[in-house]
Amino acid sequence: MHDPRTWDPSRASELLRSRYPRGSRGLLGPLADRFSPVDTAAWFEDAGVPLRCEPDGRVFPTENDSSAVIDALLWSAREA
């Protein structure tokens, strides 16, 4: 996880693309421009999805279950 005190939002796209090579072109451009990794992690934590950070910077749900991510996104979409 990036330290919010030193996070540079202008580097978001670059950092995310370097850590997520699959699908980076279509997915990360719009997302990285709008939400920093810190913002994204906070959103998932607030939505009830605790996260863990791997040594290489990748982030996963602590229970290693993608259904928690899907449930949080679906809940948010229904509430919007």
Protein backbone atom coordinates (compact mmCIF):
# COMPACT_ATOMS: atom_id res chain seq x y z
CA MET A 1 0.00 0.00 0.00
CA HIS A 2 1.22 3.47 -0.75
CA ASP A 3 1.79 5.91 2.07
CA PRO A 4 -0.93 8.60 1.77
CA ARG A 5 1.52 11.20 3.05
CA THR A 6 3.80 10.68 0.06
CA TRP A 7 1.30 9.51 -2.57
CA ASP A 8 1.59 11.39 -5.86
CA PRO A 9 -1.72 11.07 -7.76
CA SER A 10 -0.05 12.06 -11.01
CA ARG A 11 1.79 8.69 -10.90
CA ALA A 12 -1.32 6.56 -10.36
CA SER A 13 -1.66 5.29 -13.91
CA GLU A 14 2.04 4.51 -14.17
CA LEU A 15 2.13 2.60 -10.88
CA LEU A 16 -1.04 0.64 -11.50
CA ARG A 17 -0.04 -0.33 -15.02
CA SER A 18 3.33 -1.56 -13.76
CA ARG A 19 1.60 -3.83 -11.24
CA TYR A 20 -1.37 -4.91 -13.36
CA PRO A 21 -0.07 -5.70 -16.85
CA ARG A 22 -3.15 -7.70 -17.90
CA GLY A 23 -5.92 -5.41 -19.05
CA SER A 24 -4.18 -2.22 -17.98
CA ARG A 25 -4.97 -0.29 -21.13
CA GLY A 26 -8.75 -0.56 -21.05
CA LEU A 27 -9.36 -0.71 -17.33
CA LEU A 28 -6.85 1.39 -15.50
CA GLY A 29 -6.78 4.59 -17.53
CA PRO A 30 -10.13 6.02 -16.42
CA LEU A 31 -9.94 4.51 -12.93
CA ALA A 32 -6.40 5.61 -12.14
CA ASP A 33 -7.16 9.14 -13.24
CA ARG A 34 -10.07 9.38 -10.81
CA PHE A 35 -9.19 7.18 -7.81
CA SER A 36 -5.82 6.70 -6.15
CA PRO A 37 -4.90 3.30 -4.70
CA VAL A 38 -5.39 4.83 -1.24
CA ASP A 39 -8.91 6.01 -2.17
CA THR A 40 -9.75 2.62 -3.65
CA ALA A 41 -8.51 0.68 -0.63
CA ALA A 42 -10.44 2.98 1.71
CA TRP A 43 -13.61 2.46 -0.35
CA PHE A 44 -13.33 -1.33 -0.13
CA GLU A 45 -12.53 -1.21 3.59
CA ASP A 46 -15.57 1.05 4.16
CA ALA A 47 -17.67 -1.39 2.12
CA GLY A 48 -16.70 -4.18 4.50
CA VAL A 49 -13.94 -5.80 2.45
CA PRO A 50 -10.78 -6.00 4.56
CA LEU A 51 -7.64 -5.97 2.42
CA ARG A 52 -4.10 -7.30 2.63
CA CYS A 53 -1.08 -6.07 0.69
CA GLU A 54 1.41 -8.48 -0.86
CA PRO A 55 5.14 -7.64 -0.72
CA ASP A 56 5.05 -6.71 -4.42
CA GLY A 57 2.26 -4.15 -3.85
CA ARG A 58 -0.72 -6.16 -5.09
CA VAL A 59 -3.79 -5.94 -2.86
CA PHE A 60 -6.33 -8.71 -2.21
CA PRO A 61 -9.26 -9.31 0.14
CA THR A 62 -7.87 -10.79 3.37
CA GLU A 63 -10.09 -13.85 2.97
CA ASN A 64 -8.76 -14.30 -0.59
CA ASP A 65 -12.34 -14.51 -1.87
CA SER A 66 -13.26 -12.43 -4.91
CA SER A 67 -16.97 -12.71 -4.10
CA ALA A 68 -16.48 -10.09 -1.37
CA VAL A 69 -15.32 -7.62 -4.04
CA ILE A 70 -18.20 -8.52 -6.35
CA ASP A 71 -20.73 -8.19 -3.52
CA ALA A 72 -19.38 -4.76 -2.54
CA LEU A 73 -19.52 -3.51 -6.14
CA LEU A 74 -23.04 -4.86 -6.69
CA TRP A 75 -24.25 -3.34 -3.42
CA SER A 76 -22.79 0.02 -4.38
CA ALA A 77 -24.38 -0.13 -7.85
CA ARG A 78 -27.80 -0.90 -6.35
CA GLU A 79 -27.47 1.99 -3.90
CA ALA A 80 -26.44 4.48 -6.60
